[in-house]
Amino acid sequence: MRAIFKEQRLILVPETEAEASDLAIWKEAHASQHFVVRQTTGKGVMLLLDEGALTIAGPTQPRPPIPTPDTAPAIPGEPSEGPPTVPADNRVLFYKRDRAAFGFCSNFHPAPIVLDGENWPTTEHYYQFQKSFDRRYRQAIRSATTPGQAKRLAAPPDATGHTGSDSWFRKNGAMPRPDWNEAKLEIMRRAIRAKFTQNAELARMLLSTGTAELVEDSKSDSFWGAGADGSGENWLGRLLMELRDELRTSPLRNDVKEKS
């Protein structure tokens, strides 16, 4: 991935199909958000959310004030000092609209878990690993450096776009396990339960959503998300709400109680 400053804008240029796919997913998830460049040490920069900025600050454009450490916006999906504030409509749309504060609900969130006696960097890695019993496929998922790469590798052979071109199943003339549609819901339930019971801070953040409806507002997924017209099954959101109810009443409650 190359980064170019041009006409006071930061332009990201993907150099591989995988980078192009990652960038497309990132762009969709952050379409309603704006960023400013924050200087860091050395040659690096950090993109931070700034609702008042319409463009990325360039070298000749007046820069917005750099927030102090106490007021700096949170990096999307990262836990903050206190629980995030639930939107006024009592709905948490964690895939896109409210991703900055509630991205921890996503399976892409970097929350290590241990399941089946093995370590997993994200719930996405664990979930996609279960899609086939083929040893070569499982090794490919294990080798995925990001959850996005794991998801692309696990795409069905008939998937379209960049995602389909990276499908391990298409490249190897294989299919997911025959009972996948029947098994995937329980697999996801186990994965997110491990995520929130093994990471106490995330459990507290989940509990802090109170009675809010949790929705994966993905237009491209009508099973795990809300789908293009909002009438999808939203199974990821439903499982999260189910787990939230369980955490309120389970013996684990004393370990993950909400901060006062």
C-alpha atoms as a PDB file:
ATOM      1  CA  MET A   1       0.000   0.000   0.000  1.00  0.00           C
ATOM      2  CA  ARG A   2       1.422   3.382  -1.032  1.00  0.00           C
ATOM      3  CA  ALA A   3       0.423   6.685   0.569  1.00  0.00           C
ATOM      4  CA  ILE A   4       0.660   9.863  -1.523  1.00  0.00           C
ATOM      5  CA  PHE A   5       0.028  13.477  -0.542  1.00  0.00           C
ATOM      6  CA  LYS A   6      -1.603  15.286  -3.477  1.00  0.00           C
ATOM      7  CA  GLU A   7      -3.609  18.503  -3.536  1.00  0.00           C
ATOM      8  CA  GLN A   8      -3.798  18.558   0.255  1.00  0.00           C
ATOM      9  CA  ARG A   9      -5.229  15.055   0.426  1.00  0.00           C
ATOM     10  CA  LEU A  10      -3.798  11.759   1.577  1.00  0.00           C
ATOM     11  CA  ILE A  11      -4.345   9.162  -1.147  1.00  0.00           C
ATOM     12  CA  LEU A  12      -3.979   5.437  -0.387  1.00  0.00           C
ATOM     13  CA  VAL A  13      -2.985   3.384  -3.420  1.00  0.00           C
ATOM     14  CA  PRO A  14      -3.364  -0.421  -3.167  1.00  0.00           C
ATOM     15  CA  GLU A  15      -0.701  -2.421  -4.970  1.00  0.00           C
ATOM     16  CA  THR A  16      -2.272  -5.877  -4.801  1.00  0.00           C
ATOM     17  CA  GLU A  17      -5.790  -7.274  -5.153  1.00  0.00           C
ATOM     18  CA  ALA A  18      -5.795  -8.162  -1.449  1.00  0.00           C
ATOM     19  CA  GLU A  19      -4.932  -4.572  -0.500  1.00  0.00           C
ATOM     20  CA  ALA A  20      -7.626  -3.270  -2.857  1.00  0.00           C
ATOM     21  CA  SER A  21     -10.188  -5.514  -1.191  1.00  0.00           C
ATOM     22  CA  ASP A  22      -9.112  -4.465   2.314  1.00  0.00           C
ATOM     23  CA  LEU A  23      -9.287  -0.806   1.286  1.00  0.00           C
ATOM     24  CA  ALA A  24     -12.780  -1.239  -0.193  1.00  0.00           C
ATOM     25  CA  ILE A  25     -14.046  -2.840   3.025  1.00  0.00           C
ATOM     26  CA  TRP A  26     -12.415  -0.111   5.116  1.00  0.00           C
ATOM     27  CA  LYS A  27     -13.869   2.639   2.900  1.00  0.00           C
ATOM     28  CA  GLU A  28     -17.397   1.227   3.177  1.00  0.00           C
ATOM     29  CA  ALA A  29     -17.152   0.965   6.945  1.00  0.00           C
ATOM     30  CA  HIS A  30     -15.911   4.563   7.333  1.00  0.00           C
ATOM     31  CA  ALA A  31     -17.888   6.265   4.553  1.00  0.00           C
ATOM     32  CA  SER A  32     -19.660   8.614   6.965  1.00  0.00           C
ATOM     33  CA  GLN A  33     -16.555   9.569   8.931  1.00  0.00           C
ATOM     34  CA  HIS A  34     -13.773  12.099   8.383  1.00  0.00           C
ATOM     35  CA  PHE A  35     -10.154  12.042   9.404  1.00  0.00           C
ATOM     36  CA  VAL A  36      -7.279  14.387  10.153  1.00  0.00           C
ATOM     37  CA  VAL A  37      -3.605  13.585  10.121  1.00  0.00           C
ATOM     38  CA  ARG A  38      -1.885  13.537  13.502  1.00  0.00           C
ATOM     39  CA  GLN A  39       1.888  13.774  13.478  1.00  0.00           C
ATOM     40  CA  THR A  40       3.812  11.045  15.242  1.00  0.00           C
ATOM     41  CA  THR A  41       7.479  10.411  15.854  1.00  0.00           C
ATOM     42  CA  GLY A  42       9.658   9.310  12.991  1.00  0.00           C
ATOM     43  CA  LYS A  43       8.067   9.026   9.541  1.00  0.00           C
ATOM     44  CA  GLY A  44       4.671   7.761  10.613  1.00  0.00           C
ATOM     45  CA  VAL A  45       1.303   9.471  10.799  1.00  0.00           C
ATOM     46  CA  MET A  46      -1.953   8.411  12.459  1.00  0.00           C
ATOM     47  CA  LEU A  47      -5.454   8.999  11.078  1.00  0.00           C
ATOM     48  CA  LEU A  48      -7.881  10.148  13.770  1.00  0.00           C
ATOM     49  CA  LEU A  49     -11.624  10.701  13.627  1.00  0.00           C
ATOM     50  CA  ASP A  50     -12.646  14.357  13.492  1.00  0.00           C
ATOM     51  CA  GLU A  51     -16.290  15.125  12.759  1.00  0.00           C
ATOM     52  CA  GLY A  52     -15.404  18.722  11.961  1.00  0.00           C
ATOM     53  CA  ALA A  53     -12.904  17.942   9.219  1.00  0.00           C
ATOM     54  CA  LEU A  54     -14.141  17.596   5.652  1.00  0.00           C
ATOM     55  CA  THR A  55     -10.779  16.659   4.148  1.00  0.00           C
ATOM     56  CA  ILE A  56      -7.532  15.195   5.335  1.00  0.00           C
ATOM     57  CA  ALA A  57      -5.237  17.999   6.400  1.00  0.00           C
ATOM     58  CA  GLY A  58      -2.449  18.668   3.904  1.00  0.00           C
ATOM     59  CA  PRO A  59       0.897  20.379   4.298  1.00  0.00           C
ATOM     60  CA  THR A  60      -0.370  23.828   3.172  1.00  0.00           C
ATOM     61  CA  GLN A  61      -3.809  23.671   4.786  1.00  0.00           C
ATOM     62  CA  PRO A  62      -4.339  24.998   8.327  1.00  0.00           C
ATOM     63  CA  ARG A  63      -4.269  22.009  10.628  1.00  0.00           C
ATOM     64  CA  PRO A  64      -6.997  21.462  13.212  1.00  0.00           C
ATOM     65  CA  PRO A  65      -5.728  21.613  16.805  1.00  0.00           C
ATOM     66  CA  ILE A  66      -4.100  18.342  17.809  1.00  0.00           C
ATOM     67  CA  PRO A  67      -6.131  16.868  20.693  1.00  0.00           C
ATOM     68  CA  THR A  68      -4.426  16.419  24.023  1.00  0.00           C
ATOM     69  CA  PRO A  69      -4.067  12.824  25.265  1.00  0.00           C
ATOM     70  CA  ASP A  70      -7.117  13.261  27.512  1.00  0.00           C
ATOM     71  CA  THR A  71      -9.397  14.379  24.679  1.00  0.00           C
ATOM     72  CA  ALA A  72      -7.977  12.568  21.656  1.00  0.00           C
ATOM     73  CA  PRO A  73     -10.664  10.648  19.750  1.00  0.00           C
ATOM     74  CA  ALA A  74     -10.515   6.905  20.235  1.00  0.00           C
ATOM     75  CA  ILE A  75      -9.111   4.780  17.454  1.00  0.00           C
ATOM     76  CA  PRO A  76     -12.140   2.906  16.002  1.00  0.00           C
ATOM     77  CA  GLY A  77     -12.904  -0.229  17.958  1.00  0.00           C
ATOM     78  CA  GLU A  78     -10.385   0.380  20.731  1.00  0.00           C
ATOM     79  CA  PRO A  79     -11.530   0.340  24.385  1.00  0.00           C
ATOM     80  CA  SER A  80     -11.513   3.792  26.000  1.00  0.00           C
ATOM     81  CA  GLU A  81     -11.300   4.951  29.608  1.00  0.00           C
ATOM     82  CA  GLY A  82     -15.074   4.829  30.082  1.00  0.00           C
ATOM     83  CA  PRO A  83     -17.920   3.015  28.370  1.00  0.00           C
ATOM     84  CA  PRO A  84     -19.125   4.535  25.083  1.00  0.00           C
ATOM     85  CA  THR A  85     -22.385   6.453  25.064  1.00  0.00           C
ATOM     86  CA  VAL A  86     -25.359   4.664  23.541  1.00  0.00           C
ATOM     87  CA  PRO A  87     -26.961   6.705  20.706  1.00  0.00           C
ATOM     88  CA  ALA A  88     -30.195   8.545  21.423  1.00  0.00           C
ATOM     89  CA  ASP A  89     -32.261   6.089  19.375  1.00  0.00           C
ATOM     90  CA  ASN A  90     -31.092   3.267  21.699  1.00  0.00           C
ATOM     91  CA  ARG A  91     -29.668   1.370  18.747  1.00  0.00           C
ATOM     92  CA  VAL A  92     -26.002   0.513  18.284  1.00  0.00           C
ATOM     93  CA  LEU A  93     -25.149   0.127  14.594  1.00  0.00           C
ATOM     94  CA  PHE A  94     -21.668  -1.190  15.137  1.00  0.00           C
ATOM     95  CA  TYR A  95     -20.617  -2.055  11.581  1.00  0.00           C
ATOM     96  CA  LYS A  96     -20.782   1.434  10.109  1.00  0.00           C
ATOM     97  CA  ARG A  97     -22.714   4.256  11.789  1.00  0.00           C
ATOM     98  CA  ASP A  98     -21.383   3.714  15.311  1.00  0.00           C
ATOM     99  CA  ARG A  99     -18.175   1.876  14.466  1.00  0.00           C
ATOM    100  CA  ALA A 100     -15.901   4.466  16.078  1.00  0.00           C
ATOM    101  CA  ALA A 101     -17.297   3.793  19.557  1.00  0.00           C
ATOM    102  CA  PHE A 102     -18.654   0.269  19.226  1.00  0.00           C
ATOM    103  CA  GLY A 103     -16.271  -1.424  16.789  1.00  0.00           C
ATOM    104  CA  PHE A 104     -15.389  -3.845  19.588  1.00  0.00           C
ATOM    105  CA  CYS A 105     -18.597  -5.728  18.664  1.00  0.00           C
ATOM    106  CA  SER A 106     -17.090  -6.654  15.296  1.00  0.00           C
ATOM    107  CA  ASN A 107     -15.454 -10.029  14.721  1.00  0.00           C
ATOM    108  CA  PHE A 108     -12.522  -8.113  13.215  1.00  0.00           C
ATOM    109  CA  HIS A 109     -11.739  -6.524  16.582  1.00  0.00           C
ATOM    110  CA  PRO A 110      -8.308  -7.689  17.854  1.00  0.00           C
ATOM    111  CA  ALA A 111      -9.412  -9.694  20.892  1.00  0.00           C
ATOM    112  CA  PRO A 112      -7.344 -12.882  21.366  1.00  0.00           C
ATOM    113  CA  ILE A 113      -9.263 -15.977  22.460  1.00  0.00           C
ATOM    114  CA  VAL A 114      -8.507 -19.585  23.322  1.00  0.00           C
ATOM    115  CA  LEU A 115     -10.898 -22.193  21.935  1.00  0.00           C
ATOM    116  CA  ASP A 116     -10.496 -25.911  21.333  1.00  0.00           C
ATOM    117  CA  GLY A 117      -7.105 -25.700  23.018  1.00  0.00           C
ATOM    118  CA  GLU A 118      -5.713 -23.229  20.470  1.00  0.00           C
ATOM    119  CA  ASN A 119      -5.011 -19.492  20.380  1.00  0.00           C
ATOM    120  CA  TRP A 120      -6.830 -17.260  17.901  1.00  0.00           C
ATOM    121  CA  PRO A 121      -6.081 -13.573  17.192  1.00  0.00           C
ATOM    122  CA  THR A 122      -9.737 -12.763  16.426  1.00  0.00           C
ATOM    123  CA  THR A 123     -13.115 -14.460  16.455  1.00  0.00           C
ATOM    124  CA  GLU A 124     -13.134 -14.083  12.656  1.00  0.00           C
ATOM    125  CA  HIS A 125     -10.104 -16.374  12.370  1.00  0.00           C
ATOM    126  CA  TYR A 126     -11.743 -19.015  14.564  1.00  0.00           C
ATOM    127  CA  TYR A 127     -15.076 -18.836  12.765  1.00  0.00           C
ATOM    128  CA  GLN A 128     -13.648 -19.065   9.249  1.00  0.00           C
ATOM    129  CA  PHE A 129     -11.303 -21.904  10.279  1.00  0.00           C
ATOM    130  CA  GLN A 130     -14.352 -24.085  10.968  1.00  0.00           C
ATOM    131  CA  LYS A 131     -15.725 -23.739   7.420  1.00  0.00           C
ATOM    132  CA  SER A 132     -13.784 -26.751   6.127  1.00  0.00           C
ATOM    133  CA  PHE A 133     -12.016 -29.776   7.553  1.00  0.00           C
ATOM    134  CA  ASP A 134      -9.446 -29.699   4.746  1.00  0.00           C
ATOM    135  CA  ARG A 135      -5.991 -29.481   6.304  1.00  0.00           C
ATOM    136  CA  ARG A 136      -4.707 -27.155   3.537  1.00  0.00           C
ATOM    137  CA  TYR A 137      -7.609 -24.758   3.985  1.00  0.00           C
ATOM    138  CA  ARG A 138      -7.160 -24.641   7.734  1.00  0.00           C
ATOM    139  CA  GLN A 139      -3.473 -23.897   7.346  1.00  0.00           C
ATOM    140  CA  ALA A 140      -4.333 -21.031   4.994  1.00  0.00           C
ATOM    141  CA  ILE A 141      -6.677 -19.507   7.556  1.00  0.00           C
ATOM    142  CA  ARG A 142      -4.077 -20.003  10.285  1.00  0.00           C
ATOM    143  CA  SER A 143      -1.571 -18.117   8.133  1.00  0.00           C
ATOM    144  CA  ALA A 144      -3.914 -15.172   7.504  1.00  0.00           C
ATOM    145  CA  THR A 145      -2.338 -12.071   8.994  1.00  0.00           C
ATOM    146  CA  THR A 146      -5.610 -10.134   9.278  1.00  0.00           C
ATOM    147  CA  PRO A 147      -9.263 -11.053   9.860  1.00  0.00           C
ATOM    148  CA  GLY A 148     -10.075  -9.494   6.494  1.00  0.00           C
ATOM    149  CA  GLN A 149      -7.683 -11.876   4.771  1.00  0.00           C
ATOM    150  CA  ALA A 150      -9.222 -14.831   6.623  1.00  0.00           C
ATOM    151  CA  LYS A 151     -12.682 -13.767   5.469  1.00  0.00           C
ATOM    152  CA  ARG A 152     -11.594 -13.430   1.835  1.00  0.00           C
ATOM    153  CA  LEU A 153      -9.922 -16.835   1.868  1.00  0.00           C
ATOM    154  CA  ALA A 154     -13.135 -18.333   3.240  1.00  0.00           C
ATOM    155  CA  ALA A 155     -15.364 -16.788   0.576  1.00  0.00           C
ATOM    156  CA  PRO A 156     -17.528 -19.327  -1.280  1.00  0.00           C
ATOM    157  CA  PRO A 157     -16.315 -20.301  -4.746  1.00  0.00           C
ATOM    158  CA  ASP A 158     -19.145 -18.389  -6.438  1.00  0.00           C
ATOM    159  CA  ALA A 159     -18.468 -15.098  -4.607  1.00  0.00           C
ATOM    160  CA  THR A 160     -18.075 -12.037  -6.829  1.00  0.00           C
ATOM    161  CA  GLY A 161     -15.633  -9.132  -6.851  1.00  0.00           C
ATOM    162  CA  HIS A 162     -12.265  -8.995  -5.111  1.00  0.00           C
ATOM    163  CA  THR A 163     -13.533 -11.266  -2.335  1.00  0.00           C
ATOM    164  CA  GLY A 164     -14.297 -14.055  -4.793  1.00  0.00           C
ATOM    165  CA  SER A 165     -10.919 -13.771  -6.504  1.00  0.00           C
ATOM    166  CA  ASP A 166      -9.181 -14.546  -3.202  1.00  0.00           C
ATOM    167  CA  SER A 167     -11.412 -17.520  -2.326  1.00  0.00           C
ATOM    168  CA  TRP A 168      -9.397 -20.572  -1.305  1.00  0.00           C
ATOM    169  CA  PHE A 169     -12.319 -22.748  -2.341  1.00  0.00           C
ATOM    170  CA  ARG A 170     -12.394 -21.335  -5.873  1.00  0.00           C
ATOM    171  CA  LYS A 171      -8.649 -21.668  -6.334  1.00  0.00           C
ATOM    172  CA  ASN A 172      -8.674 -25.254  -5.116  1.00  0.00           C
ATOM    173  CA  GLY A 173     -11.899 -26.493  -6.685  1.00  0.00           C
ATOM    174  CA  ALA A 174     -13.350 -27.245  -3.253  1.00  0.00           C
ATOM    175  CA  MET A 175     -16.515 -26.508  -1.303  1.00  0.00           C
ATOM    176  CA  PRO A 176     -17.176 -25.625   2.347  1.00  0.00           C
ATOM    177  CA  ARG A 177     -18.236 -28.466   4.622  1.00  0.00           C
ATOM    178  CA  PRO A 178     -21.731 -29.691   3.656  1.00  0.00           C
ATOM    179  CA  ASP A 179     -23.307 -28.878   7.024  1.00  0.00           C
ATOM    180  CA  TRP A 180     -21.899 -25.369   7.214  1.00  0.00           C
ATOM    181  CA  ASN A 181     -25.241 -23.552   7.079  1.00  0.00           C
ATOM    182  CA  GLU A 182     -26.531 -25.694   9.929  1.00  0.00           C
ATOM    183  CA  ALA A 183     -23.344 -25.438  12.015  1.00  0.00           C
ATOM    184  CA  LYS A 184     -22.289 -21.809  11.607  1.00  0.00           C
ATOM    185  CA  LEU A 185     -24.691 -20.235  14.094  1.00  0.00           C
ATOM    186  CA  GLU A 186     -23.488 -22.333  17.034  1.00  0.00           C
ATOM    187  CA  ILE A 187     -19.866 -21.828  15.965  1.00  0.00           C
ATOM    188  CA  MET A 188     -20.352 -18.065  16.038  1.00  0.00           C
ATOM    189  CA  ARG A 189     -22.101 -18.283  19.410  1.00  0.00           C
ATOM    190  CA  ARG A 190     -19.092 -20.112  20.883  1.00  0.00           C
ATOM    191  CA  ALA A 191     -16.648 -17.641  19.337  1.00  0.00           C
ATOM    192  CA  ILE A 192     -18.241 -14.455  20.633  1.00  0.00           C
ATOM    193  CA  ARG A 193     -18.883 -16.006  24.033  1.00  0.00           C
ATOM    194  CA  ALA A 194     -15.159 -16.758  24.311  1.00  0.00           C
ATOM    195  CA  LYS A 195     -14.320 -13.233  23.172  1.00  0.00           C
ATOM    196  CA  PHE A 196     -16.360 -11.509  25.869  1.00  0.00           C
ATOM    197  CA  THR A 197     -15.805 -13.947  28.731  1.00  0.00           C
ATOM    198  CA  GLN A 198     -12.041 -14.090  28.187  1.00  0.00           C
ATOM    199  CA  ASN A 199     -11.647 -10.303  27.756  1.00  0.00           C
ATOM    200  CA  ALA A 200     -13.217  -8.674  30.809  1.00  0.00           C
ATOM    201  CA  GLU A 201     -12.953  -5.076  29.564  1.00  0.00           C
ATOM    202  CA  LEU A 202     -14.882  -5.984  26.410  1.00  0.00           C
ATOM    203  CA  ALA A 203     -17.550  -7.665  28.546  1.00  0.00           C
ATOM    204  CA  ARG A 204     -17.928  -4.468  30.570  1.00  0.00           C
ATOM    205  CA  MET A 205     -18.279  -2.472  27.361  1.00  0.00           C
ATOM    206  CA  LEU A 206     -20.913  -4.876  26.065  1.00  0.00           C
ATOM    207  CA  LEU A 207     -22.846  -4.586  29.323  1.00  0.00           C
ATOM    208  CA  SER A 208     -22.632  -0.800  29.126  1.00  0.00           C
ATOM    209  CA  THR A 209     -24.892  -0.899  26.038  1.00  0.00           C
ATOM    210  CA  GLY A 210     -27.768  -1.579  28.447  1.00  0.00           C
ATOM    211  CA  THR A 211     -30.954  -2.410  26.592  1.00  0.00           C
ATOM    212  CA  ALA A 212     -29.853  -0.991  23.236  1.00  0.00           C
ATOM    213  CA  GLU A 213     -30.589  -2.987  20.114  1.00  0.00           C
ATOM    214  CA  LEU A 214     -27.275  -4.175  18.653  1.00  0.00           C
ATOM    215  CA  VAL A 215     -27.230  -4.227  14.863  1.00  0.00           C
ATOM    216  CA  GLU A 216     -24.568  -5.113  12.336  1.00  0.00           C
ATOM    217  CA  ASP A 217     -25.602  -2.487   9.772  1.00  0.00           C
ATOM    218  CA  SER A 218     -23.897  -4.191   6.846  1.00  0.00           C
ATOM    219  CA  LYS A 219     -25.714  -3.717   3.553  1.00  0.00           C
ATOM    220  CA  SER A 220     -23.985  -6.733   2.021  1.00  0.00           C
ATOM    221  CA  ASP A 221     -24.954  -9.348   4.624  1.00  0.00           C
ATOM    222  CA  SER A 222     -28.589 -10.155   5.363  1.00  0.00           C
ATOM    223  CA  PHE A 223     -27.835 -13.150   7.600  1.00  0.00           C
ATOM    224  CA  TRP A 224     -25.326 -11.813  10.124  1.00  0.00           C
ATOM    225  CA  GLY A 225     -26.313  -8.226   9.403  1.00  0.00           C
ATOM    226  CA  ALA A 226     -29.240  -5.979   8.531  1.00  0.00           C
ATOM    227  CA  GLY A 227     -28.832  -6.269   4.771  1.00  0.00           C
ATOM    228  CA  ALA A 228     -29.382  -3.681   2.064  1.00  0.00           C
ATOM    229  CA  ASP A 229     -32.907  -2.696   3.156  1.00  0.00           C
ATOM    230  CA  GLY A 230     -32.484  -3.174   6.900  1.00  0.00           C
ATOM    231  CA  SER A 231     -34.730  -6.242   7.071  1.00  0.00           C
ATOM    232  CA  GLY A 232     -31.921  -8.794   7.402  1.00  0.00           C
ATOM    233  CA  GLU A 233     -31.798 -11.369  10.189  1.00  0.00           C
ATOM    234  CA  ASN A 234     -29.014  -9.569  12.095  1.00  0.00           C
ATOM    235  CA  TRP A 235     -27.830 -12.789  13.708  1.00  0.00           C
ATOM    236  CA  LEU A 236     -24.554 -11.305  14.938  1.00  0.00           C
ATOM    237  CA  GLY A 237     -26.414  -8.549  16.757  1.00  0.00           C
ATOM    238  CA  ARG A 238     -28.904 -11.052  18.165  1.00  0.00           C
ATOM    239  CA  LEU A 239     -26.138 -13.298  19.496  1.00  0.00           C
ATOM    240  CA  LEU A 240     -24.450 -10.318  21.123  1.00  0.00           C
ATOM    241  CA  MET A 241     -27.685  -9.324  22.851  1.00  0.00           C
ATOM    242  CA  GLU A 242     -28.211 -12.922  23.951  1.00  0.00           C
ATOM    243  CA  LEU A 243     -24.719 -12.966  25.448  1.00  0.00           C
ATOM    244  CA  ARG A 244     -25.277  -9.576  27.098  1.00  0.00           C
ATOM    245  CA  ASP A 245     -28.309 -11.004  28.892  1.00  0.00           C
ATOM    246  CA  GLU A 246     -26.283 -14.039  29.951  1.00  0.00           C
ATOM    247  CA  LEU A 247     -23.464 -11.897  31.357  1.00  0.00           C
ATOM    248  CA  ARG A 248     -25.924  -9.975  33.508  1.00  0.00           C
ATOM    249  CA  THR A 249     -27.080 -13.095  35.321  1.00  0.00           C
ATOM    250  CA  SER A 250     -24.223 -15.605  35.072  1.00  0.00           C
ATOM    251  CA  PRO A 251     -21.595 -16.344  37.788  1.00  0.00           C
ATOM    252  CA  LEU A 252     -19.163 -14.416  35.582  1.00  0.00           C
ATOM    253  CA  ARG A 253     -21.107 -11.260  36.406  1.00  0.00           C
ATOM    254  CA  ASN A 254     -18.877 -10.383  39.371  1.00  0.00           C
ATOM    255  CA  ASP A 255     -15.809 -10.496  37.147  1.00  0.00           C
ATOM    256  CA  VAL A 256     -17.184  -8.326  34.356  1.00  0.00           C
ATOM    257  CA  LYS A 257     -19.532  -5.961  36.206  1.00  0.00           C
ATOM    258  CA  GLU A 258     -20.090  -2.556  34.726  1.00  0.00           C
ATOM    259  CA  LYS A 259     -17.861   0.221  35.993  1.00  0.00           C
ATOM    260  CA  SER A 260     -19.632   2.678  38.244  1.00  0.00           C
END
